[in-house]
Amino acid sequence: MATMEASEMREERGTIYGDLTVEDDLVLRSMVTGNVIVADGAHLELRGLIGGALRVDAGGVAAVHGTVSGAIVNAGSVEVWGMVHGSIEDVGGRLLLHPGCFVGGREVR
């Protein structure tokens, strides 16, 4: 996964109520109360909390340093350093779980 410089990405802080579709490059340092979709060509760096599920479409990229309360459905590219309380369904995407992250309540070693 290509790492982008934070200065190249839009940054969002504060609470976002409801669902969010990411269609650009976004550092999310806030809470989203609903579900998040990362569209084709978009890049999400999660440093906050998603209250629902995360869906990454083909061509989308997500780096999870924060917490996803629901499941992840991945058709794009996902790396996890943080916590995913639900399951991860990989539907043809690229998935990398870093040691020390948590998925479904279990630590990845």
Protein backbone atom coordinates (compact mmCIF):
# COMPACT_ATOMS: atom_id res chain seq x y z
CA MET A 1 0.00 0.00 0.00
CA ALA A 2 1.38 3.41 -0.90
CA THR A 3 1.72 5.72 2.06
CA MET A 4 0.62 9.29 1.50
CA GLU A 5 1.98 12.28 3.32
CA ALA A 6 -0.56 13.69 5.80
CA SER A 7 -0.11 17.14 4.26
CA GLU A 8 -1.53 15.77 0.96
CA MET A 9 -4.72 14.55 2.66
CA ARG A 10 -7.79 16.41 3.85
CA GLU A 11 -8.29 16.13 7.61
CA GLU A 12 -11.61 15.81 9.46
CA ARG A 13 -12.06 16.38 13.21
CA GLY A 14 -15.21 16.36 15.33
CA THR A 15 -18.24 14.07 15.25
CA ILE A 16 -19.90 13.10 11.97
CA TYR A 17 -23.47 11.92 12.54
CA GLY A 18 -24.74 9.20 10.20
CA ASP A 19 -22.97 7.50 7.32
CA LEU A 20 -19.97 8.81 5.38
CA THR A 21 -18.72 8.08 1.86
CA VAL A 22 -15.04 8.92 1.32
CA GLU A 23 -14.36 9.94 -2.28
CA ASP A 24 -10.99 11.68 -1.80
CA ASP A 25 -7.95 11.32 0.47
CA LEU A 26 -8.97 11.77 4.10
CA VAL A 27 -7.38 11.55 7.53
CA LEU A 28 -10.26 10.92 9.92
CA ARG A 29 -9.40 12.03 13.46
CA SER A 30 -13.00 12.02 14.60
CA MET A 31 -15.97 9.78 15.22
CA VAL A 32 -18.46 8.67 12.60
CA THR A 33 -21.66 7.37 14.20
CA GLY A 34 -22.70 5.32 11.16
CA ASN A 35 -21.05 3.29 8.42
CA VAL A 36 -18.16 4.41 6.21
CA ILE A 37 -17.62 3.57 2.54
CA VAL A 38 -14.24 4.17 0.88
CA ALA A 39 -14.90 4.58 -2.84
CA ASP A 40 -12.69 3.61 -5.79
CA GLY A 41 -9.65 5.91 -5.92
CA ALA A 42 -10.12 7.20 -2.35
CA HIS A 43 -7.76 6.78 0.61
CA LEU A 44 -8.84 6.76 4.27
CA GLU A 45 -6.45 6.99 7.19
CA LEU A 46 -8.56 6.22 10.26
CA ARG A 47 -7.19 7.72 13.49
CA GLY A 48 -10.59 7.91 15.18
CA LEU A 49 -13.69 5.74 15.57
CA ILE A 50 -16.25 4.32 13.15
CA GLY A 51 -19.42 3.44 15.06
CA GLY A 52 -20.66 1.09 12.34
CA ALA A 53 -19.08 -0.93 9.56
CA LEU A 54 -16.34 -0.06 7.06
CA ARG A 55 -16.66 -1.01 3.39
CA VAL A 56 -13.68 -0.53 1.07
CA ASP A 57 -14.59 -0.74 -2.60
CA ALA A 58 -12.24 -2.06 -5.28
CA GLY A 59 -9.62 0.62 -5.87
CA GLY A 60 -10.15 2.12 -2.40
CA VAL A 61 -7.52 2.11 0.37
CA ALA A 62 -7.96 2.17 4.15
CA ALA A 63 -5.35 2.31 6.90
CA VAL A 64 -7.00 1.54 10.26
CA HIS A 65 -5.02 2.98 13.18
CA GLY A 66 -8.17 3.66 15.20
CA THR A 67 -11.29 1.58 15.92
CA VAL A 68 -14.01 0.08 13.74
CA SER A 69 -16.97 -1.00 15.90
CA GLY A 70 -18.58 -3.14 13.20
CA ALA A 71 -17.26 -5.38 10.47
CA ILE A 72 -14.99 -4.58 7.53
CA VAL A 73 -15.88 -5.68 4.00
CA ASN A 74 -12.79 -5.31 1.85
CA ALA A 75 -12.68 -5.34 -1.95
CA GLY A 76 -9.80 -2.83 -2.07
CA SER A 77 -6.75 -2.58 0.17
CA VAL A 78 -6.90 -2.55 3.98
CA GLU A 79 -4.16 -2.47 6.61
CA VAL A 80 -5.04 -2.75 10.30
CA TRP A 81 -2.89 -1.51 13.19
CA GLY A 82 -5.81 -0.68 15.49
CA MET A 83 -9.02 -2.48 16.53
CA VAL A 84 -11.87 -4.07 14.60
CA HIS A 85 -14.62 -5.29 16.93
CA GLY A 86 -16.44 -7.17 14.16
CA SER A 87 -15.20 -9.57 11.54
CA ILE A 88 -13.26 -8.87 8.36
CA GLU A 89 -14.66 -10.17 5.09
CA ASP A 90 -12.12 -10.07 2.29
CA VAL A 91 -13.89 -10.14 -1.09
CA GLY A 92 -10.97 -10.02 -3.48
CA GLY A 93 -9.05 -7.23 -1.78
CA ARG A 94 -5.63 -6.94 -0.20
CA LEU A 95 -5.55 -7.31 3.59
CA LEU A 96 -2.63 -6.86 5.98
CA LEU A 97 -3.05 -7.33 9.73
CA HIS A 98 -0.13 -5.91 11.69
CA PRO A 99 1.06 -7.68 14.86
CA GLY A 100 -0.60 -6.16 17.93
CA CYS A 101 -3.85 -5.21 16.21
CA PHE A 102 -7.16 -6.63 17.46
CA VAL A 103 -9.82 -8.27 15.28
CA GLY A 104 -13.01 -9.69 16.78
CA GLY A 105 -11.62 -9.35 20.29
CA ARG A 106 -8.42 -11.29 19.56
CA GLU A 107 -4.92 -9.92 19.28
CA VAL A 108 -3.06 -10.64 16.05
CA ARG A 109 0.47 -11.86 16.66
